[in-house]
Amino acid sequence: MPIRLDERLSKIASLISGGTVADVGCDHGKLAYYLVSTDRASKAIATDISEGSLKKARELASENGADELVITRLGDGLAPIASGEVDAVVIAGLGGDVISKILLDAHREGKRFQSYVLSPNTHPEKARRALSEIGQKITYDSAVECAGKLYTVIASREGQGALDELEETFGAFYLRDAQFEKRAAQELKYIASLIGGGASSDKLARRKKLLETALENIKKER
């Protein structure tokens, strides 16, 4: 029986198109079960550092007759997954710094996977940088609103795709993202109010410069 996912997980699921999937940090296993129950994945390996979460993932799969399609493994990051064992790796709900470490550690261990779908809670630029470093080309990069918050969702496949500083910071396709243009203008107004109130720092000035340059580039593309 299919279950409903929130907007963020629904977007992630839409970017999976068959094969075996690893859901790293699976929590209660809803995404893993959804993928196999809707034939978006032939099999899912759900991993987590919490045995309690894995127990709930197993119960969800068992209650719906998907015991053989959802496999649970206890472990940190991609440690429980062998190189090439899955076609796609999903990591959602962690900070970009943690996701970056997971990707780079696995790569240093010689692990290779065809594709990734990532949704970092913070620092998406670190996740993008890590994907480039491990030989992944970003194919989707946008924000989805969920429970009143914006979450970045990034998909990639094997291939070379170096990003410049603005693409790494704001998204691989920020030049074509109308929503980014709106958010950037709003952020610039906020920064201006901070500066007008006496706030000053190199970090704030740098952010302002990047936003201004990004908006200038968008205008040039038109």
N, C-alpha and C. Protein backbone atom coordinates (compact mmCIF):
# COMPACT_ATOMS: atom_id res chain seq x y z
N MET A 1 0.85 -1.19 0.00
CA MET A 1 0.00 0.00 0.00
C MET A 1 0.89 1.24 0.00
N PRO A 2 0.77 2.11 -1.02
CA PRO A 2 1.58 3.33 -1.06
C PRO A 2 1.28 4.25 0.12
N ILE A 3 2.25 5.02 0.53
CA ILE A 3 2.07 5.99 1.59
C ILE A 3 2.34 7.38 1.02
N ARG A 4 1.91 8.40 1.74
CA ARG A 4 2.14 9.77 1.29
C ARG A 4 3.44 10.29 1.88
N LEU A 5 4.15 11.03 1.06
CA LEU A 5 5.38 11.67 1.50
C LEU A 5 5.18 13.18 1.54
N ASP A 6 6.01 13.87 2.32
CA ASP A 6 5.94 15.33 2.30
C ASP A 6 6.56 15.84 1.00
N GLU A 7 6.50 17.15 0.80
CA GLU A 7 6.93 17.74 -0.47
C GLU A 7 8.40 17.46 -0.78
N ARG A 8 9.24 17.51 0.24
CA ARG A 8 10.67 17.29 -0.01
C ARG A 8 10.94 15.85 -0.42
N LEU A 9 10.40 14.90 0.33
CA LEU A 9 10.63 13.50 -0.02
C LEU A 9 9.96 13.13 -1.34
N SER A 10 8.83 13.77 -1.64
CA SER A 10 8.16 13.51 -2.92
C SER A 10 9.05 13.95 -4.08
N LYS A 11 9.69 15.11 -3.94
CA LYS A 11 10.61 15.57 -4.99
C LYS A 11 11.79 14.62 -5.13
N ILE A 12 12.34 14.19 -4.01
CA ILE A 12 13.45 13.23 -4.06
C ILE A 12 13.02 11.96 -4.77
N ALA A 13 11.85 11.44 -4.42
CA ALA A 13 11.36 10.21 -5.04
C ALA A 13 11.19 10.37 -6.54
N SER A 14 10.76 11.56 -6.97
CA SER A 14 10.54 11.79 -8.40
C SER A 14 11.83 11.75 -9.20
N LEU A 15 12.96 11.88 -8.54
CA LEU A 15 14.26 11.89 -9.21
C LEU A 15 14.90 10.50 -9.25
N ILE A 16 14.20 9.51 -8.71
CA ILE A 16 14.68 8.12 -8.75
C ILE A 16 13.93 7.39 -9.86
N SER A 17 14.66 6.70 -10.71
CA SER A 17 14.00 6.06 -11.86
C SER A 17 14.47 4.62 -12.07
N GLY A 18 14.32 3.81 -11.04
CA GLY A 18 14.61 2.39 -11.18
C GLY A 18 15.91 1.95 -10.52
N GLY A 19 16.15 0.66 -10.53
CA GLY A 19 17.36 0.09 -9.95
C GLY A 19 17.28 -0.02 -8.44
N THR A 20 18.43 -0.25 -7.86
CA THR A 20 18.54 -0.38 -6.40
C THR A 20 18.99 0.95 -5.80
N VAL A 21 18.36 1.30 -4.69
CA VAL A 21 18.61 2.61 -4.07
C VAL A 21 19.06 2.42 -2.63
N ALA A 22 20.03 3.21 -2.20
CA ALA A 22 20.42 3.26 -0.79
C ALA A 22 19.84 4.53 -0.19
N ASP A 23 19.08 4.40 0.89
CA ASP A 23 18.56 5.55 1.61
C ASP A 23 19.39 5.68 2.88
N VAL A 24 20.35 6.58 2.85
CA VAL A 24 21.30 6.75 3.95
C VAL A 24 20.70 7.67 5.02
N GLY A 25 20.64 7.17 6.26
CA GLY A 25 19.98 7.93 7.31
C GLY A 25 18.48 7.87 7.10
N CYS A 26 17.95 6.67 6.98
CA CYS A 26 16.58 6.44 6.50
C CYS A 26 15.49 6.83 7.49
N ASP A 27 15.86 7.09 8.74
CA ASP A 27 14.86 7.41 9.76
C ASP A 27 13.88 6.25 9.87
N HIS A 28 12.58 6.47 9.61
CA HIS A 28 11.59 5.40 9.77
C HIS A 28 11.37 4.59 8.49
N GLY A 29 12.16 4.87 7.46
CA GLY A 29 12.11 4.05 6.25
C GLY A 29 10.97 4.36 5.30
N LYS A 30 10.33 5.52 5.45
CA LYS A 30 9.19 5.85 4.58
C LYS A 30 9.60 5.98 3.12
N LEU A 31 10.72 6.67 2.87
CA LEU A 31 11.14 6.86 1.48
C LEU A 31 11.50 5.53 0.84
N ALA A 32 12.26 4.71 1.56
CA ALA A 32 12.66 3.41 1.01
C ALA A 32 11.44 2.58 0.64
N TYR A 33 10.46 2.51 1.54
CA TYR A 33 9.26 1.73 1.25
C TYR A 33 8.48 2.34 0.09
N TYR A 34 8.36 3.67 0.08
CA TYR A 34 7.62 4.32 -1.01
C TYR A 34 8.23 3.99 -2.37
N LEU A 35 9.54 4.02 -2.45
CA LEU A 35 10.21 3.79 -3.72
C LEU A 35 9.92 2.39 -4.27
N VAL A 36 9.97 1.39 -3.41
CA VAL A 36 9.71 0.03 -3.91
C VAL A 36 8.22 -0.21 -4.13
N SER A 37 7.36 0.44 -3.35
CA SER A 37 5.92 0.21 -3.50
C SER A 37 5.35 0.90 -4.73
N THR A 38 6.06 1.89 -5.25
CA THR A 38 5.62 2.59 -6.46
C THR A 38 6.47 2.22 -7.68
N ASP A 39 7.31 1.20 -7.53
CA ASP A 39 8.18 0.71 -8.61
C ASP A 39 9.18 1.74 -9.10
N ARG A 40 9.49 2.72 -8.26
CA ARG A 40 10.57 3.64 -8.61
C ARG A 40 11.93 3.01 -8.31
N ALA A 41 11.92 1.98 -7.50
CA ALA A 41 13.15 1.23 -7.22
C ALA A 41 12.79 -0.25 -7.15
N SER A 42 13.70 -1.09 -7.63
CA SER A 42 13.46 -2.54 -7.55
C SER A 42 13.80 -3.08 -6.17
N LYS A 43 14.70 -2.38 -5.48
CA LYS A 43 15.09 -2.76 -4.12
C LYS A 43 15.65 -1.54 -3.43
N ALA A 44 15.49 -1.48 -2.11
CA ALA A 44 16.03 -0.35 -1.35
C ALA A 44 16.81 -0.88 -0.16
N ILE A 45 17.98 -0.30 0.06
CA ILE A 45 18.77 -0.61 1.25
C ILE A 45 18.69 0.61 2.15
N ALA A 46 18.04 0.45 3.29
CA ALA A 46 17.84 1.55 4.23
C ALA A 46 18.86 1.45 5.34
N THR A 47 19.68 2.49 5.50
CA THR A 47 20.71 2.46 6.53
C THR A 47 20.48 3.57 7.55
N ASP A 48 20.95 3.35 8.76
CA ASP A 48 20.84 4.37 9.80
C ASP A 48 21.79 3.99 10.93
N ILE A 49 22.16 4.96 11.74
CA ILE A 49 22.99 4.68 12.92
C ILE A 49 22.12 4.30 14.11
N SER A 50 20.79 4.40 13.94
CA SER A 50 19.85 4.08 15.02
C SER A 50 19.15 2.77 14.76
N GLU A 51 19.33 1.80 15.64
CA GLU A 51 18.63 0.53 15.51
C GLU A 51 17.13 0.72 15.67
N GLY A 52 16.74 1.70 16.49
CA GLY A 52 15.33 1.99 16.67
C GLY A 52 14.67 2.42 15.38
N SER A 53 15.35 3.28 14.62
CA SER A 53 14.82 3.72 13.34
C SER A 53 14.73 2.55 12.36
N LEU A 54 15.75 1.71 12.33
CA LEU A 54 15.73 0.56 11.42
C LEU A 54 14.61 -0.41 11.77
N LYS A 55 14.33 -0.56 13.06
CA LYS A 55 13.23 -1.43 13.49
C LYS A 55 11.90 -0.93 12.92
N LYS A 56 11.70 0.39 12.97
CA LYS A 56 10.47 0.96 12.43
C LYS A 56 10.42 0.82 10.91
N ALA A 57 11.58 0.93 10.27
CA ALA A 57 11.63 0.75 8.82
C ALA A 57 11.27 -0.69 8.45
N ARG A 58 11.78 -1.65 9.21
CA ARG A 58 11.45 -3.06 8.95
C ARG A 58 9.97 -3.32 9.17
N GLU A 59 9.41 -2.72 10.22
CA GLU A 59 7.99 -2.93 10.53
C GLU A 59 7.11 -2.37 9.42
N LEU A 60 7.46 -1.20 8.90
CA LEU A 60 6.68 -0.59 7.82
C LEU A 60 6.70 -1.48 6.59
N ALA A 61 7.88 -1.98 6.24
CA ALA A 61 7.99 -2.85 5.07
C ALA A 61 7.25 -4.16 5.29
N SER A 62 7.38 -4.74 6.48
CA SER A 62 6.74 -6.02 6.79
C SER A 62 5.23 -5.92 6.77
N GLU A 63 4.70 -4.85 7.36
CA GLU A 63 3.25 -4.66 7.41
C GLU A 63 2.63 -4.54 6.02
N ASN A 64 3.46 -4.18 5.04
CA ASN A 64 2.96 -3.98 3.68
C ASN A 64 3.52 -4.98 2.69
N GLY A 65 4.06 -6.08 3.21
CA GLY A 65 4.51 -7.16 2.35
C GLY A 65 5.73 -6.86 1.50
N ALA A 66 6.57 -5.96 1.99
CA ALA A 66 7.76 -5.59 1.21
C ALA A 66 9.05 -6.00 1.91
N ASP A 67 8.97 -7.05 2.74
CA ASP A 67 10.14 -7.50 3.51
C ASP A 67 11.37 -7.76 2.63
N GLU A 68 11.13 -8.38 1.47
CA GLU A 68 12.25 -8.76 0.63
C GLU A 68 12.77 -7.61 -0.24
N LEU A 69 12.01 -6.51 -0.28
CA LEU A 69 12.38 -5.40 -1.14
C LEU A 69 13.09 -4.27 -0.38
N VAL A 70 12.88 -4.21 0.94
CA VAL A 70 13.54 -3.21 1.78
C VAL A 70 14.47 -3.91 2.75
N ILE A 71 15.76 -3.69 2.58
CA ILE A 71 16.79 -4.30 3.43
C ILE A 71 17.33 -3.22 4.36
N THR A 72 17.44 -3.52 5.62
CA THR A 72 17.96 -2.53 6.58
C THR A 72 19.36 -2.93 7.04
N ARG A 73 20.21 -1.91 7.22
CA ARG A 73 21.58 -2.14 7.69
C ARG A 73 21.97 -1.05 8.67
N LEU A 74 22.56 -1.46 9.76
CA LEU A 74 23.02 -0.52 10.77
C LEU A 74 24.41 -0.02 10.41
N GLY A 75 24.61 1.29 10.43
CA GLY A 75 25.94 1.82 10.13
C GLY A 75 25.91 3.30 9.83
N ASP A 76 27.09 3.88 9.79
CA ASP A 76 27.24 5.33 9.59
C ASP A 76 27.54 5.63 8.13
N GLY A 77 26.80 6.59 7.56
CA GLY A 77 27.07 7.01 6.20
C GLY A 77 26.96 5.87 5.20
N LEU A 78 27.94 5.81 4.30
CA LEU A 78 27.96 4.77 3.28
C LEU A 78 28.78 3.55 3.69
N ALA A 79 29.15 3.48 4.95
CA ALA A 79 29.93 2.34 5.44
C ALA A 79 29.23 1.00 5.19
N PRO A 80 27.90 0.90 5.35
CA PRO A 80 27.25 -0.40 5.15
C PRO A 80 27.01 -0.77 3.69
N ILE A 81 27.38 0.09 2.76
CA ILE A 81 27.09 -0.13 1.34
C ILE A 81 28.39 -0.37 0.58
N ALA A 82 28.41 -1.44 -0.21
CA ALA A 82 29.60 -1.75 -1.01
C ALA A 82 29.61 -0.92 -2.29
N SER A 83 30.78 -0.70 -2.83
CA SER A 83 30.91 0.06 -4.06
C SER A 83 30.09 -0.58 -5.17
N GLY A 84 29.27 0.22 -5.85
CA GLY A 84 28.48 -0.28 -6.96
C GLY A 84 27.31 -1.16 -6.57
N GLU A 85 27.08 -1.34 -5.28
CA GLU A 85 26.00 -2.23 -4.84
C GLU A 85 24.63 -1.62 -5.16
N VAL A 86 24.55 -0.31 -5.21
CA VAL A 86 23.30 0.36 -5.54
C VAL A 86 23.51 1.27 -6.74
N ASP A 87 22.41 1.58 -7.42
CA ASP A 87 22.48 2.47 -8.57
C ASP A 87 22.41 3.93 -8.16
N ALA A 88 21.68 4.19 -7.08
CA ALA A 88 21.52 5.57 -6.63
C ALA A 88 21.64 5.64 -5.11
N VAL A 89 22.23 6.72 -4.63
CA VAL A 89 22.37 6.97 -3.20
C VAL A 89 21.55 8.20 -2.85
N VAL A 90 20.68 8.07 -1.86
CA VAL A 90 19.89 9.20 -1.36
C VAL A 90 20.38 9.56 0.04
N ILE A 91 20.67 10.83 0.25
CA ILE A 91 21.02 11.32 1.59
C ILE A 91 20.24 12.61 1.81
N ALA A 92 19.32 12.59 2.75
CA ALA A 92 18.48 13.76 3.01
C ALA A 92 18.38 14.01 4.50
N GLY A 93 18.23 15.27 4.86
CA GLY A 93 18.00 15.61 6.26
C GLY A 93 19.23 15.80 7.11
N LEU A 94 20.41 15.79 6.47
CA LEU A 94 21.66 16.04 7.20
C LEU A 94 22.25 17.37 6.72
N GLY A 95 23.16 17.92 7.47
CA GLY A 95 23.84 19.15 7.07
C GLY A 95 24.77 18.90 5.89
N GLY A 96 25.00 19.94 5.10
CA GLY A 96 25.87 19.79 3.95
C GLY A 96 27.30 19.41 4.31
N ASP A 97 27.75 19.83 5.49
CA ASP A 97 29.09 19.45 5.92
C ASP A 97 29.17 17.96 6.20
N VAL A 98 28.11 17.40 6.81
CA VAL A 98 28.07 15.96 7.10
C VAL A 98 27.95 15.16 5.80
N ILE A 99 27.07 15.60 4.91
CA ILE A 99 26.90 14.92 3.63
C ILE A 99 28.21 14.94 2.83
N SER A 100 28.88 16.07 2.83
CA SER A 100 30.16 16.18 2.13
C SER A 100 31.17 15.17 2.66
N LYS A 101 31.23 15.04 3.98
CA LYS A 101 32.17 14.09 4.59
C LYS A 101 31.83 12.66 4.20
N ILE A 102 30.54 12.34 4.19
CA ILE A 102 30.11 10.98 3.81
C ILE A 102 30.56 10.66 2.39
N LEU A 103 30.33 11.60 1.47
CA LEU A 103 30.69 11.38 0.07
C LEU A 103 32.20 11.25 -0.11
N LEU A 104 32.94 12.16 0.51
CA LEU A 104 34.39 12.16 0.32
C LEU A 104 35.05 10.95 1.00
N ASP A 105 34.55 10.57 2.17
CA ASP A 105 35.09 9.39 2.86
C ASP A 105 34.88 8.14 2.01
N ALA A 106 33.67 7.99 1.47
CA ALA A 106 33.38 6.82 0.64
C ALA A 106 34.24 6.80 -0.62
N HIS A 107 34.44 7.97 -1.21
CA HIS A 107 35.25 8.06 -2.42
C HIS A 107 36.70 7.67 -2.12
N ARG A 108 37.22 8.13 -1.00
CA ARG A 108 38.59 7.78 -0.62
C ARG A 108 38.74 6.28 -0.37
N GLU A 109 37.65 5.65 0.02
CA GLU A 109 37.67 4.20 0.24
C GLU A 109 37.49 3.42 -1.06
N GLY A 110 37.37 4.14 -2.17
CA GLY A 110 37.25 3.48 -3.47
C GLY A 110 35.83 3.14 -3.86
N LYS A 111 34.85 3.67 -3.16
CA LYS A 111 33.46 3.37 -3.47
C LYS A 111 32.95 4.30 -4.58
N ARG A 112 32.26 3.70 -5.55
CA ARG A 112 31.72 4.46 -6.66
C ARG A 112 30.25 4.09 -6.86
N PHE A 113 29.42 5.11 -7.14
CA PHE A 113 28.00 4.90 -7.38
C PHE A 113 27.58 5.74 -8.58
N GLN A 114 26.59 5.25 -9.32
CA GLN A 114 26.18 5.92 -10.55
C GLN A 114 25.59 7.30 -10.30
N SER A 115 24.75 7.42 -9.29
CA SER A 115 24.05 8.68 -9.10
C SER A 115 23.75 8.95 -7.64
N TYR A 116 23.47 10.22 -7.36
CA TYR A 116 23.13 10.65 -6.01
C TYR A 116 21.92 11.58 -6.06
N VAL A 117 21.12 11.55 -5.00
CA VAL A 117 20.10 12.57 -4.76
C VAL A 117 20.31 13.05 -3.33
N LEU A 118 20.62 14.32 -3.18
CA LEU A 118 20.96 14.88 -1.88
C LEU A 118 20.00 16.01 -1.52
N SER A 119 19.69 16.12 -0.23
CA SER A 119 18.89 17.25 0.24
C SER A 119 19.45 17.71 1.58
N PRO A 120 20.49 18.54 1.52
CA PRO A 120 21.12 19.03 2.75
C PRO A 120 20.25 20.06 3.47
N ASN A 121 20.22 19.97 4.79
CA ASN A 121 19.48 20.97 5.58
C ASN A 121 20.21 22.30 5.63
N THR A 122 21.52 22.24 5.57
CA THR A 122 22.36 23.44 5.63
C THR A 122 23.52 23.29 4.65
N HIS A 123 24.18 24.39 4.35
CA HIS A 123 25.39 24.40 3.52
C HIS A 123 25.31 23.52 2.27
N PRO A 124 24.33 23.77 1.40
CA PRO A 124 24.26 22.98 0.15
C PRO A 124 25.50 23.15 -0.72
N GLU A 125 26.19 24.29 -0.56
CA GLU A 125 27.39 24.51 -1.37
C GLU A 125 28.46 23.45 -1.08
N LYS A 126 28.50 22.96 0.15
CA LYS A 126 29.48 21.92 0.49
C LYS A 126 29.13 20.59 -0.17
N ALA A 127 27.85 20.31 -0.26
CA ALA A 127 27.41 19.09 -0.94
C ALA A 127 27.72 19.17 -2.43
N ARG A 128 27.47 20.33 -3.03
CA ARG A 128 27.77 20.51 -4.46
C ARG A 128 29.27 20.35 -4.72
N ARG A 129 30.08 20.94 -3.85
CA ARG A 129 31.53 20.85 -4.02
C ARG A 129 31.99 19.40 -3.93
N ALA A 130 31.44 18.67 -3.00
CA ALA A 130 31.84 17.26 -2.83
C ALA A 130 31.45 16.44 -4.06
N LEU A 131 30.27 16.70 -4.61
CA LEU A 131 29.86 15.96 -5.81
C LEU A 131 30.85 16.20 -6.95
N SER A 132 31.26 17.44 -7.14
CA SER A 132 32.24 17.74 -8.19
C SER A 132 33.56 17.02 -7.94
N GLU A 133 33.96 16.97 -6.67
CA GLU A 133 35.25 16.36 -6.32
C GLU A 133 35.25 14.86 -6.54
N ILE A 134 34.09 14.21 -6.46
CA ILE A 134 34.06 12.75 -6.62
C ILE A 134 33.64 12.34 -8.04
N GLY A 135 33.60 13.31 -8.95
CA GLY A 135 33.32 12.98 -10.35
C GLY A 135 31.85 12.83 -10.68
N GLN A 136 31.02 13.66 -10.05
CA GLN A 136 29.58 13.65 -10.33
C GLN A 136 29.17 14.97 -10.99
N LYS A 137 28.31 14.87 -11.98
CA LYS A 137 27.79 16.05 -12.68
C LYS A 137 26.35 16.31 -12.21
N ILE A 138 26.08 17.50 -11.73
CA ILE A 138 24.75 17.83 -11.22
C ILE A 138 23.76 17.96 -12.38
N THR A 139 22.63 17.25 -12.24
CA THR A 139 21.61 17.24 -13.29
C THR A 139 20.33 17.95 -12.84
N TYR A 140 20.18 18.14 -11.54
CA TYR A 140 19.01 18.84 -11.00
C TYR A 140 19.47 19.56 -9.74
N ASP A 141 19.00 20.80 -9.57
CA ASP A 141 19.42 21.57 -8.41
C ASP A 141 18.41 22.69 -8.19
N SER A 142 17.53 22.50 -7.23
CA SER A 142 16.51 23.51 -6.99
C SER A 142 16.03 23.42 -5.54
N ALA A 143 15.14 24.33 -5.18
CA ALA A 143 14.60 24.36 -3.82
C ALA A 143 13.15 23.93 -3.84
N VAL A 144 12.74 23.22 -2.79
CA VAL A 144 11.35 22.81 -2.64
C VAL A 144 10.86 23.29 -1.28
N GLU A 145 9.63 23.80 -1.25
CA GLU A 145 9.07 24.27 0.01
C GLU A 145 8.39 23.13 0.73
N CYS A 146 8.67 23.00 2.01
CA CYS A 146 8.08 21.93 2.82
C CYS A 146 7.88 22.46 4.23
N ALA A 147 6.67 22.40 4.72
CA ALA A 147 6.33 22.87 6.07
C ALA A 147 6.82 24.29 6.32
N GLY A 148 6.68 25.13 5.30
CA GLY A 148 7.03 26.54 5.44
C GLY A 148 8.51 26.84 5.31
N LYS A 149 9.33 25.85 4.99
CA LYS A 149 10.76 26.06 4.83
C LYS A 149 11.20 25.66 3.43
N LEU A 150 12.30 26.22 2.97
CA LEU A 150 12.87 25.86 1.68
C LEU A 150 14.01 24.88 1.87
N TYR A 151 13.98 23.80 1.12
CA TYR A 151 15.02 22.79 1.18
C TYR A 151 15.63 22.59 -0.21
N THR A 152 16.93 22.51 -0.26
CA THR A 152 17.62 22.25 -1.52
C THR A 152 17.58 20.77 -1.85
N VAL A 153 17.30 20.45 -3.11
CA VAL A 153 17.35 19.07 -3.59
C VAL A 153 18.28 19.05 -4.80
N ILE A 154 19.27 18.16 -4.76
CA ILE A 154 20.29 18.09 -5.80
C ILE A 154 20.39 16.65 -6.30
N ALA A 155 20.37 16.48 -7.61
CA ALA A 155 20.59 15.15 -8.20
C ALA A 155 21.81 15.20 -9.09
N SER A 156 22.52 14.07 -9.19
CA SER A 156 23.73 14.04 -10.01
C SER A 156 23.93 12.66 -10.62
N ARG A 157 24.75 12.62 -11.66
CA ARG A 157 25.16 11.36 -12.28
C ARG A 157 26.66 11.41 -12.54
N GLU A 158 27.25 10.25 -12.78
CA GLU A 158 28.69 10.20 -13.06
C GLU A 158 29.04 11.09 -14.25
N GLY A 159 30.08 11.86 -14.11
CA GLY A 159 30.51 12.75 -15.18
C GLY A 159 31.18 13.98 -14.62
N GLN A 160 31.92 14.65 -15.44
CA GLN A 160 32.63 15.85 -15.01
C GLN A 160 31.73 17.07 -15.16
N GLY A 161 31.67 17.87 -14.11
CA GLY A 161 30.83 19.05 -14.15
C GLY A 161 31.28 20.08 -13.14
N ALA A 162 32.43 20.69 -13.39
CA ALA A 162 32.98 21.67 -12.46
C ALA A 162 32.05 22.88 -12.35
N LEU A 163 31.91 23.40 -11.14
CA LEU A 163 31.07 24.56 -10.88
C LEU A 163 31.94 25.78 -10.56
N ASP A 164 31.47 26.96 -10.99
CA ASP A 164 32.16 28.16 -10.55
C ASP A 164 31.64 28.53 -9.16
N GLU A 165 32.19 29.58 -8.58
CA GLU A 165 31.85 29.92 -7.20
C GLU A 165 30.37 30.25 -7.02
N LEU A 166 29.78 30.94 -8.00
CA LEU A 166 28.38 31.31 -7.89
C LEU A 166 27.47 30.09 -8.03
N GLU A 167 27.79 29.19 -8.94
CA GLU A 167 27.00 27.96 -9.11
C GLU A 167 27.10 27.08 -7.87
N GLU A 168 28.29 27.04 -7.29
CA GLU A 168 28.48 26.25 -6.07
C GLU A 168 27.70 26.84 -4.91
N THR A 169 27.66 28.16 -4.84
CA THR A 169 27.00 28.84 -3.73
C THR A 169 25.49 28.86 -3.85
N PHE A 170 24.99 29.16 -5.06
CA PHE A 170 23.56 29.40 -5.24
C PHE A 170 22.83 28.30 -6.00
N GLY A 171 23.56 27.38 -6.58
CA GLY A 171 22.91 26.30 -7.32
C GLY A 171 23.45 26.21 -8.73
N ALA A 172 23.58 24.99 -9.23
CA ALA A 172 24.17 24.78 -10.54
C ALA A 172 23.40 25.47 -11.66
N PHE A 173 22.09 25.69 -11.44
CA PHE A 173 21.26 26.28 -12.48
C PHE A 173 20.61 27.58 -12.02
N TYR A 174 21.28 28.31 -11.16
CA TYR A 174 20.71 29.54 -10.61
C TYR A 174 20.36 30.55 -11.70
N LEU A 175 21.09 30.52 -12.82
CA LEU A 175 20.85 31.48 -13.90
C LEU A 175 19.46 31.32 -14.51
N ARG A 176 18.89 30.11 -14.41
CA ARG A 176 17.58 29.85 -15.01
C ARG A 176 16.50 29.69 -13.94
N ASP A 177 16.82 29.99 -12.70
CA ASP A 177 15.89 29.78 -11.59
C ASP A 177 15.23 31.10 -11.20
N ALA A 178 13.99 31.28 -11.63
CA ALA A 178 13.27 32.52 -11.33
C ALA A 178 13.06 32.71 -9.84
N GLN A 179 12.89 31.61 -9.13
CA GLN A 179 12.69 31.71 -7.68
C GLN A 179 13.96 32.19 -6.99
N PHE A 180 15.12 31.76 -7.51
CA PHE A 180 16.37 32.24 -6.91
C PHE A 180 16.49 33.75 -7.07
N GLU A 181 16.14 34.26 -8.24
CA GLU A 181 16.24 35.71 -8.48
C GLU A 181 15.42 36.47 -7.45
N LYS A 182 14.23 35.97 -7.16
CA LYS A 182 13.35 36.63 -6.18
C LYS A 182 13.96 36.55 -4.79
N ARG A 183 14.45 35.38 -4.43
CA ARG A 183 15.04 35.20 -3.09
C ARG A 183 16.30 36.03 -2.93
N ALA A 184 17.11 36.12 -3.99
CA ALA A 184 18.35 36.89 -3.93
C ALA A 184 18.05 38.38 -3.71
N ALA A 185 17.04 38.88 -4.41
CA ALA A 185 16.67 40.29 -4.24
C ALA A 185 16.19 40.55 -2.81
N GLN A 186 15.43 39.62 -2.26
CA GLN A 186 14.95 39.76 -0.88
C GLN A 186 16.11 39.73 0.11
N GLU A 187 17.07 38.84 -0.14
CA GLU A 187 18.21 38.75 0.76
C GLU A 187 19.06 40.00 0.71
N LEU A 188 19.21 40.56 -0.47
CA LEU A 188 19.97 41.80 -0.60
C LEU A 188 19.31 42.93 0.19
N LYS A 189 17.99 42.99 0.18
CA LYS A 189 17.27 44.00 0.96
C LYS A 189 17.54 43.80 2.45
N TYR A 190 17.54 42.54 2.86
CA TYR A 190 17.79 42.23 4.27
C TYR A 190 19.21 42.62 4.67
N ILE A 191 20.19 42.31 3.81
CA ILE A 191 21.57 42.68 4.08
C ILE A 191 21.71 44.19 4.15
N ALA A 192 21.03 44.89 3.25
CA ALA A 192 21.07 46.36 3.26
C ALA A 192 20.53 46.91 4.57
N SER A 193 19.49 46.28 5.10
CA SER A 193 18.92 46.74 6.38
C SER A 193 19.90 46.49 7.53
N LEU A 194 20.63 45.37 7.45
CA LEU A 194 21.62 45.09 8.49
C LEU A 194 22.75 46.12 8.45
N ILE A 195 23.22 46.38 7.23
CA ILE A 195 24.30 47.36 7.08
C ILE A 195 23.82 48.75 7.50
N GLY A 196 22.56 49.07 7.13
CA GLY A 196 21.99 50.34 7.52
C GLY A 196 21.86 50.48 9.03
N GLY A 197 21.72 49.34 9.71
CA GLY A 197 21.61 49.35 11.17
C GLY A 197 22.95 49.30 11.87
N GLY A 198 24.02 49.33 11.09
CA GLY A 198 25.35 49.37 11.68
C GLY A 198 26.11 48.06 11.65
N ALA A 199 25.48 47.00 11.13
CA ALA A 199 26.18 45.71 11.07
C ALA A 199 27.25 45.76 9.99
N SER A 200 28.38 45.13 10.28
CA SER A 200 29.47 45.12 9.31
C SER A 200 30.38 43.93 9.56
N SER A 201 30.70 43.20 8.49
CA SER A 201 31.64 42.08 8.59
C SER A 201 32.10 41.71 7.20
N ASP A 202 33.26 41.09 7.11
CA ASP A 202 33.76 40.64 5.82
C ASP A 202 32.83 39.61 5.20
N LYS A 203 32.26 38.75 6.06
CA LYS A 203 31.35 37.70 5.58
C LYS A 203 30.10 38.31 4.96
N LEU A 204 29.55 39.32 5.62
CA LEU A 204 28.35 39.99 5.12
C LEU A 204 28.64 40.70 3.81
N ALA A 205 29.77 41.37 3.73
CA ALA A 205 30.15 42.09 2.51
C ALA A 205 30.37 41.11 1.36
N ARG A 206 30.98 39.98 1.66
CA ARG A 206 31.23 38.97 0.64
C ARG A 206 29.92 38.39 0.10
N ARG A 207 28.97 38.12 1.00
CA ARG A 207 27.68 37.58 0.59
C ARG A 207 26.96 38.59 -0.30
N LYS A 208 27.01 39.84 0.08
CA LYS A 208 26.37 40.90 -0.71
C LYS A 208 26.95 40.96 -2.11
N LYS A 209 28.27 40.88 -2.21
CA LYS A 209 28.94 40.94 -3.51
C LYS A 209 28.54 39.75 -4.38
N LEU A 210 28.48 38.56 -3.80
CA LEU A 210 28.11 37.37 -4.56
C LEU A 210 26.68 37.47 -5.09
N LEU A 211 25.77 37.93 -4.24
CA LEU A 211 24.39 38.08 -4.66
C LEU A 211 24.25 39.10 -5.78
N GLU A 212 24.94 40.21 -5.66
CA GLU A 212 24.88 41.24 -6.69
C GLU A 212 25.43 40.72 -8.02
N THR A 213 26.53 39.99 -7.95
CA THR A 213 27.12 39.44 -9.16
C THR A 213 26.19 38.42 -9.81
N ALA A 214 25.56 37.58 -8.98
CA ALA A 214 24.64 36.59 -9.49
C ALA A 214 23.46 37.24 -10.22
N LEU A 215 22.91 38.29 -9.65
CA LEU A 215 21.79 38.98 -10.29
C LEU A 215 22.23 39.68 -11.57
N GLU A 216 23.44 40.20 -11.58
CA GLU A 216 23.97 40.81 -12.80
C GLU A 216 24.11 39.76 -13.91
N ASN A 217 24.57 38.58 -13.54
CA ASN A 217 24.73 37.49 -14.53
C ASN A 217 23.39 37.06 -15.10
N ILE A 218 22.37 37.03 -14.25
CA ILE A 218 21.03 36.68 -14.72
C ILE A 218 20.54 37.68 -15.76
N LYS A 219 20.76 38.96 -15.50
CA LYS A 219 20.35 40.00 -16.44
C LYS A 219 21.07 39.86 -17.77
N LYS A 220 22.36 39.49 -17.72
CA LYS A 220 23.13 39.33 -18.95
C LYS A 220 22.63 38.15 -19.79
N GLU A 221 22.06 37.14 -19.12
CA GLU A 221 21.59 35.95 -19.82
C GLU A 221 20.30 36.21 -20.59
N ARG A 222 19.60 37.28 -20.25
CA ARG A 222 18.31 37.56 -20.90
C ARG A 222 18.48 38.16 -22.29
